[in-house]
N, C-alpha and C. Protein backbone atom coordinates (compact mmCIF):
# COMPACT_ATOMS: atom_id res chain seq x y z
N UNK A 1 -238.51 170.70 25.60
CA UNK A 1 -238.68 169.00 26.00
C UNK A 1 -236.91 168.41 26.09
N UNK A 2 -236.35 168.48 25.16
CA UNK A 2 -235.66 167.83 24.96
C UNK A 2 -234.92 167.80 25.88
N UNK A 3 -234.32 168.86 26.28
CA UNK A 3 -233.71 169.04 28.09
C UNK A 3 -234.29 167.88 28.89
N UNK A 4 -235.61 168.13 28.72
CA UNK A 4 -236.06 167.08 29.78
C UNK A 4 -235.82 165.94 29.53
N UNK A 5 -236.14 165.35 28.22
CA UNK A 5 -235.58 164.50 28.20
C UNK A 5 -234.21 163.52 28.52
N UNK A 6 -233.05 164.38 27.89
CA UNK A 6 -231.70 164.34 28.67
C UNK A 6 -231.70 164.02 30.13
N UNK A 7 -232.43 164.53 30.70
CA UNK A 7 -232.41 164.88 32.44
C UNK A 7 -233.10 163.49 32.98
N UNK A 8 -234.06 163.13 32.23
CA UNK A 8 -234.50 162.09 32.46
C UNK A 8 -233.60 160.82 32.00
N UNK A 9 -232.64 160.94 31.14
CA UNK A 9 -231.81 159.69 30.42
C UNK A 9 -230.93 159.50 31.81
N UNK A 10 -230.41 160.79 31.73
CA UNK A 10 -229.29 161.14 32.97
C UNK A 10 -229.67 160.15 34.28
N UNK A 11 -230.79 160.64 34.51
CA UNK A 11 -231.26 160.18 36.07
C UNK A 11 -231.48 158.60 35.78
N UNK A 12 -232.10 157.87 34.68
CA UNK A 12 -232.00 156.68 34.52
C UNK A 12 -230.27 155.95 34.63
N UNK A 13 -229.53 155.97 34.31
CA UNK A 13 -228.68 156.08 33.72
C UNK A 13 -227.98 156.10 35.34
N UNK A 14 -228.03 157.33 35.52
CA UNK A 14 -227.60 157.14 37.43
C UNK A 14 -228.07 156.41 38.33
N UNK A 15 -229.63 155.93 38.03
CA UNK A 15 -230.32 155.03 38.79
C UNK A 15 -230.43 153.76 38.36
N UNK A 16 -229.43 153.09 37.49
CA UNK A 16 -229.29 152.40 36.79
C UNK A 16 -227.87 151.96 37.73
N UNK A 17 -227.32 152.56 37.76
CA UNK A 17 -225.58 152.95 38.12
C UNK A 17 -225.84 152.37 39.76
N UNK A 18 -226.79 153.63 40.34
CA UNK A 18 -226.68 153.29 41.90
C UNK A 18 -227.41 151.55 42.27
N UNK A 19 -228.41 151.66 40.96
CA UNK A 19 -228.94 150.02 41.72
C UNK A 19 -228.23 148.76 41.75
N UNK A 20 -226.97 148.92 40.28
CA UNK A 20 -226.19 148.28 39.93
C UNK A 20 -224.99 148.05 41.33
N UNK A 21 -224.58 149.33 41.69
CA UNK A 21 -223.99 149.22 43.21
C UNK A 21 -224.80 148.41 43.97
N UNK A 22 -225.95 148.98 44.33
CA UNK A 22 -226.50 148.46 45.83
C UNK A 22 -226.46 147.03 45.47
N UNK A 23 -226.96 146.52 44.30
CA UNK A 23 -226.66 145.20 44.37
C UNK A 23 -225.55 144.31 44.58
N UNK A 24 -224.26 145.18 43.98
CA UNK A 24 -223.56 144.52 43.96
C UNK A 24 -223.02 144.57 45.94
N UNK A 25 -223.17 145.87 46.39
CA UNK A 25 -223.00 145.58 47.87
C UNK A 25 -223.87 144.75 48.59
N UNK A 26 -225.08 144.72 48.25
CA UNK A 26 -225.90 143.58 48.75
C UNK A 26 -225.55 142.39 48.97
N UNK A 27 -225.10 141.58 47.52
CA UNK A 27 -224.48 140.68 47.35
C UNK A 27 -223.16 140.67 48.40
N UNK A 28 -222.16 141.45 48.41
CA UNK A 28 -220.99 141.13 48.97
C UNK A 28 -221.55 141.24 50.61
N UNK A 29 -222.69 142.01 50.80
CA UNK A 29 -223.13 141.55 52.22
C UNK A 29 -223.82 140.46 52.48
N UNK A 30 -224.23 139.92 51.95
CA UNK A 30 -224.71 138.50 51.75
C UNK A 30 -223.77 137.82 51.61
N UNK A 31 -222.67 137.42 51.11
CA UNK A 31 -221.85 136.74 50.52
C UNK A 31 -221.31 136.69 52.59
N UNK A 32 -221.14 137.94 52.62
CA UNK A 32 -219.81 137.98 53.90
C UNK A 32 -220.68 137.77 55.24
N UNK A 33 -222.19 137.98 55.47
CA UNK A 33 -222.99 137.12 56.22
C UNK A 33 -223.14 135.27 56.14
N UNK A 34 -223.30 135.16 54.90
CA UNK A 34 -223.28 133.65 55.17
C UNK A 34 -221.48 133.01 55.72
N UNK A 35 -220.79 133.78 55.27
CA UNK A 35 -219.21 133.47 55.31
C UNK A 35 -219.77 133.91 57.20
N UNK A 36 -219.99 135.22 57.98
CA UNK A 36 -219.62 135.08 59.08
C UNK A 36 -220.88 133.70 59.73
N UNK A 37 -221.96 133.48 59.11
CA UNK A 37 -223.29 132.61 59.86
C UNK A 37 -222.20 130.98 59.59
N UNK A 38 -221.38 130.76 58.67
CA UNK A 38 -220.55 129.23 59.01
C UNK A 38 -219.27 129.88 59.98
N UNK A 39 -218.73 130.54 60.25
CA UNK A 39 -218.11 131.05 60.86
C UNK A 39 -218.65 130.77 62.56
N UNK A 40 -219.45 131.43 62.10
CA UNK A 40 -220.41 131.06 64.20
C UNK A 40 -221.21 129.54 64.22
N UNK A 41 -221.09 128.87 63.12
CA UNK A 41 -221.28 127.79 62.99
C UNK A 41 -220.57 126.95 63.44
N UNK A 42 -219.24 126.83 62.95
CA UNK A 42 -218.02 126.25 63.11
C UNK A 42 -217.70 126.50 64.69
N UNK A 43 -217.61 128.14 64.91
CA UNK A 43 -217.40 128.59 66.71
C UNK A 43 -218.33 127.49 67.22
N UNK A 44 -219.41 127.89 67.34
CA UNK A 44 -220.22 126.78 67.97
C UNK A 44 -220.02 125.46 68.50
N UNK A 45 -219.78 124.48 67.12
CA UNK A 45 -219.04 123.15 67.25
C UNK A 45 -217.89 123.00 68.03
N UNK A 46 -217.15 124.08 67.48
CA UNK A 46 -216.00 124.08 68.90
C UNK A 46 -216.15 124.43 69.63
N UNK A 47 -217.28 125.38 70.02
CA UNK A 47 -217.46 125.05 71.80
C UNK A 47 -218.17 123.92 72.36
N UNK A 48 -218.89 123.43 72.26
CA UNK A 48 -219.56 122.54 71.98
C UNK A 48 -218.43 121.57 72.64
N UNK A 49 -217.82 121.04 71.04
CA UNK A 49 -216.34 120.13 71.61
C UNK A 49 -215.42 120.77 72.80
N UNK A 50 -214.99 121.31 73.16
CA UNK A 50 -214.15 122.43 74.20
C UNK A 50 -215.05 122.15 75.14
N UNK A 51 -216.29 121.63 75.63
CA UNK A 51 -217.00 122.27 76.50
C UNK A 51 -217.10 120.68 77.09
N UNK A 52 -217.45 119.84 75.94
CA UNK A 52 -217.53 118.72 76.22
C UNK A 52 -216.13 117.88 76.90
N UNK A 53 -214.81 118.57 76.25
CA UNK A 53 -213.50 117.94 76.78
C UNK A 53 -213.31 118.72 78.26
N UNK A 54 -213.95 119.91 78.40
CA UNK A 54 -213.69 120.28 79.68
C UNK A 54 -214.72 119.57 80.98
N UNK A 55 -215.07 119.13 80.62
CA UNK A 55 -216.69 118.35 81.13
C UNK A 55 -216.31 117.12 81.43
N UNK A 56 -215.51 116.30 80.79
CA UNK A 56 -214.17 114.92 80.85
C UNK A 56 -213.16 115.14 80.94
N UNK A 57 -212.61 116.42 81.11
CA UNK A 57 -211.07 116.21 82.18
C UNK A 57 -211.72 116.46 83.43
N UNK A 58 -212.97 117.71 83.73
CA UNK A 58 -213.48 117.98 85.47
C UNK A 58 -213.60 116.44 86.09
N UNK A 59 -214.50 115.54 85.13
CA UNK A 59 -214.84 114.32 85.74
C UNK A 59 -213.64 113.42 86.25
N UNK A 60 -212.47 113.88 85.29
CA UNK A 60 -211.49 112.52 85.35
C UNK A 60 -210.88 113.34 86.40
N UNK A 61 -210.76 114.44 86.90
CA UNK A 61 -209.73 115.15 87.81
C UNK A 61 -210.90 115.23 89.18
N UNK A 62 -212.23 114.77 89.16
CA UNK A 62 -212.69 114.84 90.44
C UNK A 62 -213.22 113.23 90.33
N UNK A 63 -212.75 112.27 89.72
CA UNK A 63 -212.59 110.75 90.11
C UNK A 63 -211.71 110.64 90.39
N UNK A 64 -210.38 111.26 89.73
CA UNK A 64 -209.07 110.45 90.44
C UNK A 64 -208.30 111.82 91.29
N UNK A 65 -209.24 112.76 92.15
CA UNK A 65 -208.82 113.75 92.99
C UNK A 65 -207.89 112.63 94.42
N UNK A 66 -208.83 111.23 94.27
CA UNK A 66 -208.17 110.58 95.66
C UNK A 66 -206.99 110.35 95.59
N UNK A 67 -206.69 110.22 94.46
CA UNK A 67 -205.01 109.84 94.19
C UNK A 67 -204.22 111.23 94.31
N UNK A 68 -204.32 112.49 94.08
CA UNK A 68 -203.63 113.40 94.37
C UNK A 68 -203.44 113.57 96.17
N UNK A 69 -202.14 113.51 96.05
CA UNK A 69 -201.47 113.40 97.58
C UNK A 69 -200.48 114.69 97.40
N UNK A 70 -200.79 115.97 97.88
CA UNK A 70 -199.83 117.17 98.22
C UNK A 70 -198.33 117.03 98.88
N UNK A 71 -197.20 117.50 97.51
CA UNK A 71 -196.03 116.70 98.21
C UNK A 71 -195.39 117.66 99.47
N UNK A 72 -195.71 118.83 99.84
CA UNK A 72 -195.75 119.41 101.22
C UNK A 72 -196.21 118.50 102.29
N UNK A 73 -197.54 118.01 101.70
CA UNK A 73 -198.17 117.25 103.31
C UNK A 73 -197.40 116.05 103.84
N UNK A 74 -197.07 115.20 102.30
CA UNK A 74 -195.81 114.00 102.25
C UNK A 74 -194.73 114.42 102.81
N UNK A 75 -193.81 115.16 102.78
CA UNK A 75 -193.02 115.65 102.97
C UNK A 75 -192.45 116.48 104.75
N UNK A 76 -193.63 116.88 105.12
CA UNK A 76 -193.67 116.98 106.50
C UNK A 76 -194.08 115.45 107.21
N UNK A 77 -195.05 115.03 106.62
CA UNK A 77 -195.17 113.35 107.46
C UNK A 77 -193.89 112.32 107.18
N UNK A 78 -193.11 113.12 106.09
CA UNK A 78 -192.03 112.16 106.47
C UNK A 78 -191.05 112.27 107.22
N UNK A 79 -190.95 113.86 107.61
CA UNK A 79 -189.88 114.57 108.22
C UNK A 79 -190.39 113.98 109.84
N UNK A 80 -191.65 114.18 110.07
CA UNK A 80 -191.94 113.39 111.19
C UNK A 80 -191.91 112.44 111.84
N UNK A 81 -192.14 111.72 110.62
CA UNK A 81 -191.72 110.31 111.42
C UNK A 81 -190.48 109.80 111.03
N UNK A 82 -189.37 110.42 110.42
CA UNK A 82 -188.24 110.11 110.92
C UNK A 82 -187.29 110.62 112.23
N UNK A 83 -188.24 111.65 113.16
CA UNK A 83 -188.06 112.59 113.83
C UNK A 83 -188.38 111.64 115.14
N UNK A 84 -189.36 111.22 114.99
CA UNK A 84 -190.06 110.20 115.87
C UNK A 84 -189.51 109.26 116.57
N UNK A 85 -189.55 108.20 117.24
CA UNK A 85 -189.32 106.85 117.93
C UNK A 85 -190.55 106.10 118.38
N UNK A 86 -190.49 105.05 118.91
CA UNK A 86 -191.11 104.11 119.71
C UNK A 86 -192.78 104.54 119.18
N UNK A 87 -193.61 104.52 120.07
CA UNK A 87 -195.15 104.25 119.27
C UNK A 87 -195.47 105.82 119.02
N UNK A 88 -194.93 106.61 118.96
CA UNK A 88 -195.16 107.90 118.35
C UNK A 88 -194.72 107.32 116.85
N UNK A 89 -193.75 107.02 116.48
CA UNK A 89 -193.34 106.57 115.35
C UNK A 89 -194.13 105.69 114.33
N UNK A 90 -194.58 104.44 115.24
CA UNK A 90 -195.73 104.13 114.71
C UNK A 90 -197.45 105.07 114.44
N UNK A 91 -197.51 105.74 115.20
CA UNK A 91 -198.60 106.67 115.24
C UNK A 91 -198.59 107.33 113.46
N UNK A 92 -197.42 107.68 113.31
CA UNK A 92 -197.06 108.21 111.76
C UNK A 92 -197.18 107.76 111.29
N UNK A 93 -196.85 106.73 111.60
CA UNK A 93 -196.91 105.48 110.31
C UNK A 93 -198.41 105.34 109.60
N UNK A 94 -199.01 105.16 111.03
CA UNK A 94 -200.56 105.17 110.52
C UNK A 94 -201.33 106.05 109.92
N UNK A 95 -200.67 107.21 109.86
CA UNK A 95 -201.06 108.77 109.29
C UNK A 95 -200.76 108.28 108.02
N UNK A 96 -199.75 107.62 107.63
CA UNK A 96 -198.98 107.72 105.94
C UNK A 96 -199.52 106.55 105.67
N UNK A 97 -200.41 105.43 106.05
CA UNK A 97 -201.11 104.33 105.83
C UNK A 97 -202.73 104.99 105.16
N UNK A 98 -203.12 105.82 106.27
CA UNK A 98 -204.36 106.67 106.01
C UNK A 98 -204.06 107.53 104.47
N UNK A 99 -203.55 108.31 104.64
CA UNK A 99 -203.38 109.33 103.62
C UNK A 99 -203.12 107.98 102.27
N UNK A 100 -202.16 107.13 102.31
CA UNK A 100 -201.57 106.80 100.92
C UNK A 100 -203.04 105.35 100.72
N UNK A 101 -203.44 105.13 101.60
CA UNK A 101 -204.54 103.86 101.53
C UNK A 101 -204.29 102.82 101.21
N UNK A 102 -203.40 102.57 102.63
CA UNK A 102 -202.81 101.11 102.60
C UNK A 102 -204.11 100.03 102.69
N UNK A 103 -203.38 98.60 101.81
CA UNK A 103 -204.22 97.78 102.29
C UNK A 103 -204.46 97.19 103.78
N UNK A 104 -204.93 96.03 104.29
CA UNK A 104 -204.53 95.59 105.05
C UNK A 104 -202.89 94.66 105.32
N UNK A 105 -202.75 94.16 103.87
CA UNK A 105 -201.39 93.36 103.61
C UNK A 105 -200.42 94.48 103.62
N UNK A 106 -200.76 95.97 103.15
CA UNK A 106 -199.76 96.80 103.30
C UNK A 106 -199.14 97.31 104.36
N UNK A 107 -200.59 97.33 105.50
CA UNK A 107 -200.13 97.45 107.06
C UNK A 107 -199.62 96.76 107.79
N UNK A 108 -199.47 94.86 107.41
CA UNK A 108 -198.95 94.40 107.99
C UNK A 108 -197.58 94.72 107.52
N UNK A 109 -197.15 94.45 106.42
CA UNK A 109 -195.85 94.91 106.07
C UNK A 109 -194.96 95.68 106.70
N UNK A 110 -195.60 97.08 107.26
CA UNK A 110 -195.11 98.11 107.89
C UNK A 110 -195.19 97.76 108.94
N UNK A 111 -195.74 96.83 109.78
CA UNK A 111 -196.01 96.42 111.07
C UNK A 111 -196.70 97.06 111.79
N UNK A 112 -197.81 97.92 111.03
CA UNK A 112 -198.78 98.44 111.76
C UNK A 112 -200.44 98.14 111.21
N UNK A 113 -200.38 96.47 111.09
CA UNK A 113 -201.29 96.32 110.70
C UNK A 113 -202.04 95.81 112.22
N UNK A 114 -203.28 95.30 112.41
CA UNK A 114 -203.86 94.23 113.35
C UNK A 114 -203.06 93.65 113.79
N UNK A 115 -202.50 93.20 115.07
CA UNK A 115 -202.22 91.76 115.57
C UNK A 115 -200.33 91.44 114.87
N UNK A 116 -199.98 93.24 114.35
CA UNK A 116 -198.74 93.37 114.00
C UNK A 116 -198.13 93.48 115.00
N UNK A 117 -198.31 94.49 116.56
CA UNK A 117 -197.35 94.89 117.34
C UNK A 117 -196.72 94.02 117.77
N UNK A 118 -195.59 94.01 118.71
CA UNK A 118 -194.64 93.52 119.29
C UNK A 118 -195.40 92.52 120.64
N UNK A 119 -196.30 93.46 121.34
CA UNK A 119 -196.81 93.10 122.52
C UNK A 119 -197.89 92.27 121.98
N UNK A 120 -198.06 92.35 120.90
CA UNK A 120 -199.44 91.20 120.26
C UNK A 120 -199.02 89.96 119.85
N UNK A 121 -197.71 90.48 119.82
CA UNK A 121 -197.47 88.86 119.09
C UNK A 121 -196.72 87.74 120.19
N UNK A 122 -196.35 88.78 121.52
CA UNK A 122 -195.93 88.16 122.58
C UNK A 122 -196.63 87.18 123.06
N UNK A 123 -198.46 88.11 123.38
CA UNK A 123 -199.46 87.77 124.07
C UNK A 123 -199.66 86.29 123.50
N UNK A 124 -200.05 87.09 122.09
CA UNK A 124 -200.36 85.79 120.97
C UNK A 124 -199.50 84.52 121.60
N UNK A 125 -198.18 84.45 121.45
CA UNK A 125 -197.64 83.23 121.86
C UNK A 125 -197.57 82.83 123.24
N UNK A 126 -197.52 83.51 124.26
CA UNK A 126 -198.14 83.43 125.74
C UNK A 126 -199.21 82.76 126.40
N UNK A 127 -200.15 83.58 125.55
CA UNK A 127 -201.22 83.45 126.54
C UNK A 127 -202.23 82.90 125.70
N UNK A 128 -203.10 81.67 126.18
CA UNK A 128 -203.82 80.81 125.33
C UNK A 128 -205.16 81.67 124.89
N UNK A 129 -205.71 81.35 123.66
CA UNK A 129 -206.56 82.01 123.40
C UNK A 129 -208.25 81.91 124.19
N UNK A 130 -208.60 83.16 124.09
CA UNK A 130 -209.62 83.23 125.58
C UNK A 130 -210.96 82.47 124.59
N UNK A 131 -211.80 81.74 125.45
CA UNK A 131 -212.40 80.86 125.30
C UNK A 131 -214.07 81.42 125.12
N UNK A 132 -214.80 81.20 124.07
CA UNK A 132 -216.11 81.93 123.82
C UNK A 132 -216.68 81.75 125.11
N UNK A 133 -217.52 82.23 125.46
CA UNK A 133 -219.17 82.72 126.52
C UNK A 133 -219.18 81.74 126.84
N UNK A 134 -219.83 80.99 128.06
CA UNK A 134 -220.98 79.71 128.19
C UNK A 134 -222.24 80.40 127.41
N UNK A 135 -222.77 81.24 127.75
CA UNK A 135 -223.62 81.67 127.23
C UNK A 135 -223.86 82.56 126.92
N UNK A 136 -224.78 83.22 125.65
CA UNK A 136 -224.79 84.43 125.09
C UNK A 136 -225.71 85.14 126.15
N UNK A 137 -225.61 86.62 125.77
CA UNK A 137 -226.32 87.31 126.44
C UNK A 137 -227.99 87.02 126.19
N UNK A 138 -228.49 86.85 124.85
CA UNK A 138 -229.93 86.19 125.26
C UNK A 138 -230.01 85.20 125.62
N UNK A 139 -229.15 84.21 126.18
CA UNK A 139 -229.32 83.01 127.03
C UNK A 139 -229.43 82.96 128.25
N UNK A 140 -229.15 84.81 129.12
CA UNK A 140 -228.65 84.67 130.47
C UNK A 140 -230.37 84.80 130.71
N UNK A 141 -230.75 84.67 132.04
CA UNK A 141 -232.27 84.39 132.46
C UNK A 141 -231.36 86.16 133.12
N UNK A 142 -232.49 86.69 133.35
CA UNK A 142 -232.94 88.39 134.29
C UNK A 142 -233.41 89.07 133.65
N UNK A 143 -234.10 90.04 134.62
CA UNK A 143 -235.02 91.05 133.94
C UNK A 143 -234.16 92.33 133.91
N UNK A 144 -233.00 92.52 134.75
CA UNK A 144 -232.30 93.39 134.36
C UNK A 144 -230.87 93.18 134.26
N UNK A 145 -229.66 94.66 134.36
CA UNK A 145 -228.33 94.63 134.02
C UNK A 145 -227.80 93.42 135.04
N UNK A 146 -228.40 93.45 136.41
CA UNK A 146 -227.83 93.17 137.51
C UNK A 146 -227.79 91.39 137.81
N UNK A 147 -229.18 91.24 137.70
CA UNK A 147 -229.53 89.33 137.69
C UNK A 147 -229.11 88.61 136.29
N UNK A 148 -228.88 89.84 135.05
CA UNK A 148 -228.33 88.92 134.06
C UNK A 148 -226.76 89.10 134.31
N UNK A 149 -225.65 89.69 135.02
CA UNK A 149 -224.55 89.65 135.85
C UNK A 149 -224.27 88.71 136.23
N UNK A 150 -224.65 88.53 137.16
CA UNK A 150 -224.85 86.91 138.10
C UNK A 150 -224.62 86.43 137.60
N UNK A 151 -226.03 86.04 136.94
CA UNK A 151 -226.47 84.55 136.26
C UNK A 151 -225.45 84.45 134.84
N UNK A 152 -224.72 85.31 134.35
CA UNK A 152 -223.45 85.26 133.38
C UNK A 152 -221.79 84.73 134.61
N UNK A 153 -221.84 85.54 135.48
CA UNK A 153 -220.96 84.74 136.11
C UNK A 153 -221.48 83.51 136.90
N UNK A 154 -222.23 83.20 137.18
CA UNK A 154 -222.85 81.75 137.47
C UNK A 154 -222.63 80.85 136.56
N UNK A 155 -223.06 81.20 135.55
CA UNK A 155 -222.75 80.82 134.24
C UNK A 155 -221.11 80.18 133.85
N UNK A 156 -220.49 81.14 133.95
CA UNK A 156 -218.84 80.63 133.56
C UNK A 156 -218.08 80.37 134.60
N UNK A 157 -218.42 79.92 136.00
CA UNK A 157 -217.86 79.28 136.95
C UNK A 157 -218.25 77.64 136.84
N UNK A 158 -219.43 77.55 136.34
CA UNK A 158 -220.16 76.74 135.98
C UNK A 158 -221.63 75.90 136.48
N UNK A 159 -221.45 77.32 137.88
CA UNK A 159 -222.78 76.84 138.93
C UNK A 159 -223.97 77.75 137.35
N UNK A 160 -225.61 77.09 138.17
CA UNK A 160 -226.40 78.20 137.26
C UNK A 160 -227.26 78.02 138.28
N UNK A 161 -228.29 79.04 138.57
CA UNK A 161 -229.41 78.77 139.18
C UNK A 161 -230.38 77.80 139.33
N UNK A 162 -230.20 77.02 138.27
CA UNK A 162 -231.22 75.76 138.20
C UNK A 162 -230.71 74.74 138.62
N UNK A 163 -229.01 74.32 138.75
CA UNK A 163 -228.33 73.62 139.25
C UNK A 163 -228.16 73.59 140.60
N UNK A 164 -227.97 74.84 141.20
CA UNK A 164 -227.98 75.44 143.15
C UNK A 164 -229.60 75.04 143.29
N UNK A 165 -231.05 75.38 142.75
CA UNK A 165 -232.14 74.78 143.05
C UNK A 165 -232.09 73.10 143.11
N UNK A 166 -231.68 72.10 142.35
CA UNK A 166 -231.53 70.88 142.01
C UNK A 166 -231.17 70.66 143.20
N UNK A 167 -229.94 71.20 143.94
CA UNK A 167 -228.56 70.48 144.50
C UNK A 167 -229.29 71.09 146.67
N UNK A 168 -230.07 72.09 146.23
CA UNK A 168 -230.83 72.69 147.14
C UNK A 168 -231.89 71.48 147.68
N UNK A 169 -231.65 70.95 148.86
CA UNK A 169 -232.96 70.68 149.36
C UNK A 169 -233.67 71.11 150.36
N UNK A 170 -235.11 70.59 151.28
CA UNK A 170 -235.49 71.33 152.05
C UNK A 170 -234.81 70.69 153.45
N UNK A 171 -234.65 69.67 153.36
CA UNK A 171 -233.91 69.40 154.85
C UNK A 171 -232.73 69.62 154.54
N UNK A 172 -231.81 70.60 153.64
CA UNK A 172 -230.64 70.84 154.02
C UNK A 172 -230.74 71.68 155.09
N UNK A 173 -229.33 71.59 155.67
CA UNK A 173 -229.31 72.65 157.07
C UNK A 173 -229.05 74.09 156.65
N UNK A 174 -229.27 74.74 156.87
CA UNK A 174 -229.05 76.28 157.25
C UNK A 174 -227.59 76.96 157.54
N UNK A 175 -227.06 77.87 156.57
CA UNK A 175 -226.14 78.65 156.89
C UNK A 175 -226.20 80.02 156.83
N UNK A 176 -225.34 80.22 157.62
CA UNK A 176 -225.18 81.64 157.31
C UNK A 176 -224.64 82.68 155.73
N UNK A 177 -226.23 83.21 155.54
CA UNK A 177 -225.81 83.17 154.10
C UNK A 177 -225.14 84.59 154.07
N UNK A 178 -224.57 84.77 152.96
CA UNK A 178 -223.56 85.89 152.34
C UNK A 178 -224.66 86.86 151.57
N UNK A 179 -223.99 88.15 151.31
CA UNK A 179 -224.52 88.97 150.56
C UNK A 179 -224.82 88.09 149.03
N UNK A 180 -223.91 87.89 148.37
CA UNK A 180 -224.05 87.34 147.03
C UNK A 180 -224.97 85.61 146.95
N UNK A 181 -224.96 85.30 148.45
CA UNK A 181 -226.04 83.99 148.00
C UNK A 181 -227.01 84.70 148.43
N UNK A 182 -226.98 85.38 148.76
CA UNK A 182 -228.58 86.65 149.54
C UNK A 182 -229.26 86.93 148.14
N UNK A 183 -228.35 87.46 146.99
CA UNK A 183 -228.65 87.98 145.92
C UNK A 183 -228.66 86.82 144.83
N UNK A 184 -228.47 85.93 144.90
CA UNK A 184 -228.46 84.95 143.92
C UNK A 184 -229.50 83.99 144.74
N UNK A 185 -230.12 83.77 145.55
CA UNK A 185 -231.59 83.63 145.88
C UNK A 185 -232.60 84.60 145.95
N UNK A 186 -232.56 85.81 145.62
CA UNK A 186 -233.59 86.84 145.65
C UNK A 186 -233.93 86.58 143.96
N UNK A 187 -232.54 86.46 143.37
CA UNK A 187 -232.97 86.13 141.70
C UNK A 187 -233.97 84.82 141.52
N UNK A 188 -233.92 84.15 142.38
CA UNK A 188 -234.25 82.52 142.35
C UNK A 188 -235.80 82.93 142.43
N UNK A 189 -236.01 83.66 143.18
CA UNK A 189 -237.67 83.46 143.62
C UNK A 189 -238.23 84.80 142.95
């Protein structure tokens, strides 16, 4: 019995040592797990911030992509412009204006805006401006394009089908009719 009692005490002390060791191991594991969870939460926050920064950078790139110009493209356009002359040189400047999004004022400075060509300036100085049409397309009488064209020409030269009806009288002498007067007469009917 004494041996049994001493064995029991030895086993109990061994059990206490094992429990103390296991408790320490559990506490160590719990503290490590807590640290790991804290690091994981920090990493999640950092990931969210990095993702937000990345999304903002992508958005800025997408909105500013229009402002990005390829250097080799601009180099080739400039070399092409330098090697050309006359109308071809002007055409290259039109491409440059398109790529660089020139305003109308910028185009005028470069001589490629509307009304900036030499011929247009000369014609504008020599030729009088066009007068507006006497009648608009809606005001012209006629059911088809031919009738409207004839009425347009008559209105432009100052004659109109109504005026011709007033001038013609039943007692007026009949003359040989040309094709255009027959067309006008058929339109009047």
